[in-house]
């Protein structure tokens, strides 16, 4: 175990924490908006109304939140790769 291994592990752990923290908030807000959108769709279907499938402010916000969560997830995956490389390199 050398200094390179320790640096890779430390860097990987830092990236995992940063990625998780960046993805957690947008993902939970995305899930809440998605549940609200599904609830509205059920209600409108129950009423017999036709739902307009055009772009809404909520759909734009959901796409933005999904993109932010994906970015945070990619950072965390990069951290896992660094930790794995830290174990792989001898």
N, C-alpha and C. Protein backbone atom coordinates (compact mmCIF):
# COMPACT_ATOMS: atom_id res chain seq x y z
N UNK A 1 0.86 -1.17 0.00
CA UNK A 1 0.00 0.00 0.00
C UNK A 1 0.90 1.23 0.00
N UNK A 2 0.70 2.04 -1.02
CA UNK A 2 1.56 3.21 -1.14
C UNK A 2 0.77 4.50 -1.05
N UNK A 3 1.50 5.55 -1.32
CA UNK A 3 0.88 6.88 -1.26
C UNK A 3 -0.14 7.06 -2.39
N UNK A 4 0.13 6.42 -3.53
CA UNK A 4 -0.81 6.54 -4.66
C UNK A 4 -2.15 5.92 -4.30
N UNK A 5 -2.10 4.75 -3.65
CA UNK A 5 -3.34 4.10 -3.22
C UNK A 5 -4.14 4.98 -2.27
N UNK A 6 -3.45 5.54 -1.30
CA UNK A 6 -4.13 6.39 -0.33
C UNK A 6 -4.73 7.63 -0.99
N UNK A 7 -4.00 8.20 -1.93
CA UNK A 7 -4.54 9.38 -2.65
C UNK A 7 -5.76 9.01 -3.47
N UNK A 8 -5.71 7.86 -4.15
CA UNK A 8 -6.87 7.44 -4.94
C UNK A 8 -8.07 7.16 -4.05
N UNK A 9 -7.85 6.51 -2.91
CA UNK A 9 -8.95 6.24 -2.00
C UNK A 9 -9.55 7.53 -1.45
N UNK A 10 -8.68 8.42 -1.02
CA UNK A 10 -9.16 9.69 -0.46
C UNK A 10 -9.90 10.50 -1.52
N UNK A 11 -9.32 10.58 -2.71
CA UNK A 11 -9.99 11.32 -3.79
C UNK A 11 -11.31 10.69 -4.17
N UNK A 12 -11.35 9.35 -4.21
CA UNK A 12 -12.58 8.66 -4.53
C UNK A 12 -13.66 8.88 -3.49
N UNK A 13 -13.29 8.82 -2.23
CA UNK A 13 -14.27 9.03 -1.16
C UNK A 13 -14.80 10.46 -1.20
N UNK A 14 -13.92 11.41 -1.46
CA UNK A 14 -14.36 12.81 -1.56
C UNK A 14 -15.33 12.98 -2.72
N UNK A 15 -15.03 12.36 -3.87
CA UNK A 15 -15.93 12.47 -5.03
C UNK A 15 -17.26 11.77 -4.77
N UNK A 16 -17.24 10.66 -4.06
CA UNK A 16 -18.49 9.97 -3.74
C UNK A 16 -19.37 10.85 -2.87
N UNK A 17 -18.78 11.47 -1.86
CA UNK A 17 -19.55 12.34 -0.96
C UNK A 17 -20.09 13.55 -1.72
N UNK A 18 -19.24 14.17 -2.54
CA UNK A 18 -19.69 15.34 -3.31
C UNK A 18 -20.80 14.96 -4.27
N UNK A 19 -20.62 13.85 -4.98
CA UNK A 19 -21.65 13.40 -5.93
C UNK A 19 -22.96 13.08 -5.25
N UNK A 20 -22.89 12.40 -4.11
CA UNK A 20 -24.11 12.07 -3.37
C UNK A 20 -24.84 13.33 -2.92
N UNK A 21 -24.08 14.27 -2.38
CA UNK A 21 -24.70 15.50 -1.89
C UNK A 21 -25.30 16.32 -3.02
N UNK A 22 -24.65 16.30 -4.20
CA UNK A 22 -25.18 17.04 -5.35
C UNK A 22 -26.40 16.38 -5.95
N UNK A 23 -26.50 15.06 -5.85
CA UNK A 23 -27.61 14.33 -6.48
C UNK A 23 -28.81 14.18 -5.55
N UNK A 24 -28.60 14.19 -4.25
CA UNK A 24 -29.66 13.91 -3.29
C UNK A 24 -30.82 14.91 -3.37
N UNK A 25 -30.52 16.18 -3.34
CA UNK A 25 -31.58 17.20 -3.35
C UNK A 25 -32.40 17.23 -4.63
N UNK A 26 -31.74 17.34 -5.79
CA UNK A 26 -32.52 17.34 -7.03
C UNK A 26 -33.32 16.05 -7.25
N UNK A 27 -32.77 14.91 -6.84
CA UNK A 27 -33.48 13.65 -7.05
C UNK A 27 -34.75 13.58 -6.20
N UNK A 28 -34.67 14.03 -4.96
CA UNK A 28 -35.87 13.99 -4.12
C UNK A 28 -36.92 14.97 -4.62
N UNK A 29 -36.50 16.14 -5.08
CA UNK A 29 -37.45 17.10 -5.63
C UNK A 29 -38.06 16.59 -6.93
N UNK A 30 -37.25 15.92 -7.75
CA UNK A 30 -37.74 15.32 -8.99
C UNK A 30 -38.82 14.28 -8.69
N UNK A 31 -38.56 13.42 -7.68
CA UNK A 31 -39.53 12.39 -7.32
C UNK A 31 -40.84 13.02 -6.84
N UNK A 32 -40.74 14.12 -6.09
CA UNK A 32 -41.95 14.79 -5.61
C UNK A 32 -42.74 15.38 -6.77
N UNK A 33 -42.06 16.02 -7.73
CA UNK A 33 -42.75 16.58 -8.89
C UNK A 33 -43.36 15.48 -9.74
N UNK A 34 -42.66 14.37 -9.88
CA UNK A 34 -43.16 13.25 -10.67
C UNK A 34 -44.42 12.67 -10.04
N UNK A 35 -44.41 12.51 -8.71
CA UNK A 35 -45.59 11.99 -8.01
C UNK A 35 -46.77 12.95 -8.15
N UNK A 36 -46.49 14.25 -8.07
CA UNK A 36 -47.56 15.23 -8.21
C UNK A 36 -48.12 15.21 -9.63
N UNK A 37 -47.26 15.06 -10.63
CA UNK A 37 -47.70 15.00 -12.02
C UNK A 37 -48.55 13.75 -12.26
N UNK A 38 -48.15 12.62 -11.70
CA UNK A 38 -48.94 11.39 -11.83
C UNK A 38 -50.29 11.53 -11.15
N UNK A 39 -50.32 12.20 -10.02
CA UNK A 39 -51.57 12.41 -9.30
C UNK A 39 -52.52 13.28 -10.12
N UNK A 40 -51.98 14.32 -10.73
CA UNK A 40 -52.82 15.19 -11.58
C UNK A 40 -53.35 14.41 -12.78
N UNK A 41 -52.50 13.56 -13.37
CA UNK A 41 -52.94 12.75 -14.51
C UNK A 41 -54.06 11.79 -14.11
N UNK A 42 -53.95 11.17 -12.92
CA UNK A 42 -55.02 10.28 -12.45
C UNK A 42 -56.32 11.06 -12.22
N UNK A 43 -56.19 12.24 -11.63
CA UNK A 43 -57.38 13.04 -11.36
C UNK A 43 -58.06 13.46 -12.65
N UNK A 44 -57.29 13.92 -13.62
CA UNK A 44 -57.89 14.35 -14.88
C UNK A 44 -58.48 13.17 -15.64
N UNK A 45 -57.88 12.00 -15.53
CA UNK A 45 -58.43 10.82 -16.18
C UNK A 45 -59.74 10.42 -15.50
N UNK A 46 -59.81 10.57 -14.18
CA UNK A 46 -61.02 10.25 -13.44
C UNK A 46 -62.15 11.19 -13.83
N UNK A 47 -61.80 12.47 -14.05
CA UNK A 47 -62.81 13.45 -14.43
C UNK A 47 -63.24 13.28 -15.88
N UNK A 48 -62.47 12.55 -16.65
CA UNK A 48 -62.82 12.34 -18.05
C UNK A 48 -62.26 13.41 -18.97
N UNK A 49 -61.41 14.26 -18.47
CA UNK A 49 -60.83 15.31 -19.28
C UNK A 49 -59.64 14.82 -20.08
N UNK A 50 -59.35 15.53 -21.12
CA UNK A 50 -58.18 15.21 -21.93
C UNK A 50 -57.03 16.08 -21.45
N UNK A 51 -55.91 15.44 -21.21
CA UNK A 51 -54.74 16.16 -20.69
C UNK A 51 -53.86 16.59 -21.84
N UNK A 52 -53.48 17.85 -21.82
CA UNK A 52 -52.57 18.39 -22.82
C UNK A 52 -51.17 17.87 -22.51
N UNK A 53 -50.52 17.24 -23.48
CA UNK A 53 -49.19 16.67 -23.25
C UNK A 53 -48.08 17.62 -23.66
N UNK A 54 -48.38 18.91 -23.75
CA UNK A 54 -47.37 19.90 -24.10
C UNK A 54 -46.39 20.13 -22.97
N UNK A 55 -45.39 20.93 -23.26
CA UNK A 55 -44.38 21.26 -22.27
C UNK A 55 -44.96 22.21 -21.23
N UNK A 56 -44.74 21.86 -19.98
CA UNK A 56 -45.19 22.71 -18.87
C UNK A 56 -43.97 23.15 -18.08
N UNK A 57 -44.18 24.07 -17.18
CA UNK A 57 -43.09 24.51 -16.31
C UNK A 57 -42.59 23.37 -15.44
N UNK A 58 -43.51 22.51 -15.00
CA UNK A 58 -43.12 21.37 -14.17
C UNK A 58 -42.29 20.37 -14.96
N UNK A 59 -42.63 20.14 -16.22
CA UNK A 59 -41.86 19.18 -17.02
C UNK A 59 -40.46 19.72 -17.31
N UNK A 60 -40.34 21.03 -17.49
CA UNK A 60 -39.02 21.63 -17.69
C UNK A 60 -38.21 21.52 -16.41
N UNK A 61 -38.84 21.78 -15.27
CA UNK A 61 -38.15 21.67 -13.98
C UNK A 61 -37.73 20.23 -13.71
N UNK A 62 -38.60 19.27 -14.07
CA UNK A 62 -38.26 17.86 -13.86
C UNK A 62 -37.05 17.47 -14.71
N UNK A 63 -36.98 17.94 -15.93
CA UNK A 63 -35.82 17.64 -16.78
C UNK A 63 -34.55 18.26 -16.21
N UNK A 64 -34.64 19.48 -15.73
CA UNK A 64 -33.48 20.14 -15.12
C UNK A 64 -33.01 19.39 -13.87
N UNK A 65 -33.95 18.99 -13.02
CA UNK A 65 -33.60 18.25 -11.81
C UNK A 65 -33.02 16.89 -12.14
N UNK A 66 -33.57 16.23 -13.17
CA UNK A 66 -33.04 14.94 -13.58
C UNK A 66 -31.60 15.08 -14.08
N UNK A 67 -31.33 16.14 -14.83
CA UNK A 67 -29.98 16.39 -15.34
C UNK A 67 -29.00 16.66 -14.18
N UNK A 68 -29.44 17.44 -13.20
CA UNK A 68 -28.59 17.71 -12.04
C UNK A 68 -28.30 16.44 -11.25
N UNK A 69 -29.31 15.59 -11.09
CA UNK A 69 -29.12 14.33 -10.37
C UNK A 69 -28.17 13.41 -11.14
N UNK A 70 -28.31 13.39 -12.46
CA UNK A 70 -27.40 12.58 -13.28
C UNK A 70 -25.96 13.05 -13.15
N UNK A 71 -25.77 14.37 -13.12
CA UNK A 71 -24.42 14.91 -12.96
C UNK A 71 -23.83 14.50 -11.61
N UNK A 72 -24.59 14.61 -10.56
CA UNK A 72 -24.13 14.18 -9.24
C UNK A 72 -23.84 12.69 -9.21
N UNK A 73 -24.67 11.90 -9.87
CA UNK A 73 -24.44 10.46 -9.95
C UNK A 73 -23.16 10.13 -10.72
N UNK A 74 -22.90 10.88 -11.78
CA UNK A 74 -21.67 10.65 -12.56
C UNK A 74 -20.44 10.98 -11.72
N UNK A 75 -20.51 12.03 -10.92
CA UNK A 75 -19.39 12.38 -10.04
C UNK A 75 -19.16 11.26 -9.02
N UNK A 76 -20.25 10.72 -8.45
CA UNK A 76 -20.12 9.63 -7.48
C UNK A 76 -19.55 8.37 -8.13
N UNK A 77 -19.97 8.08 -9.35
CA UNK A 77 -19.43 6.93 -10.07
C UNK A 77 -17.94 7.11 -10.32
N UNK A 78 -17.54 8.32 -10.66
CA UNK A 78 -16.11 8.61 -10.81
C UNK A 78 -15.36 8.34 -9.52
N UNK A 79 -15.96 8.66 -8.40
CA UNK A 79 -15.35 8.38 -7.10
C UNK A 79 -15.21 6.89 -6.85
N UNK A 80 -16.25 6.12 -7.21
CA UNK A 80 -16.15 4.67 -7.06
C UNK A 80 -15.04 4.09 -7.93
N UNK A 81 -14.89 4.64 -9.13
CA UNK A 81 -13.82 4.19 -10.02
C UNK A 81 -12.45 4.47 -9.40
N UNK A 82 -12.29 5.65 -8.81
CA UNK A 82 -11.01 5.96 -8.17
C UNK A 82 -10.73 5.02 -6.99
N UNK A 83 -11.73 4.72 -6.19
CA UNK A 83 -11.55 3.80 -5.07
C UNK A 83 -11.17 2.41 -5.60
N UNK A 84 -11.84 1.97 -6.65
CA UNK A 84 -11.53 0.67 -7.25
C UNK A 84 -10.10 0.66 -7.79
N UNK A 85 -9.70 1.73 -8.45
CA UNK A 85 -8.32 1.82 -8.96
C UNK A 85 -7.32 1.81 -7.80
N UNK A 86 -7.68 2.41 -6.69
CA UNK A 86 -6.81 2.40 -5.52
C UNK A 86 -6.56 0.98 -5.01
N UNK A 87 -7.57 0.13 -5.12
CA UNK A 87 -7.37 -1.26 -4.72
C UNK A 87 -6.67 -2.07 -5.81
N UNK A 88 -6.86 -1.68 -7.06
CA UNK A 88 -6.30 -2.43 -8.19
C UNK A 88 -4.80 -2.19 -8.35
N UNK A 89 -4.37 -0.96 -8.15
CA UNK A 89 -2.97 -0.62 -8.35
C UNK A 89 -2.14 -1.11 -7.15
N UNK A 90 -1.07 -1.76 -7.44
CA UNK A 90 -0.19 -2.29 -6.37
C UNK A 90 1.08 -1.51 -6.33
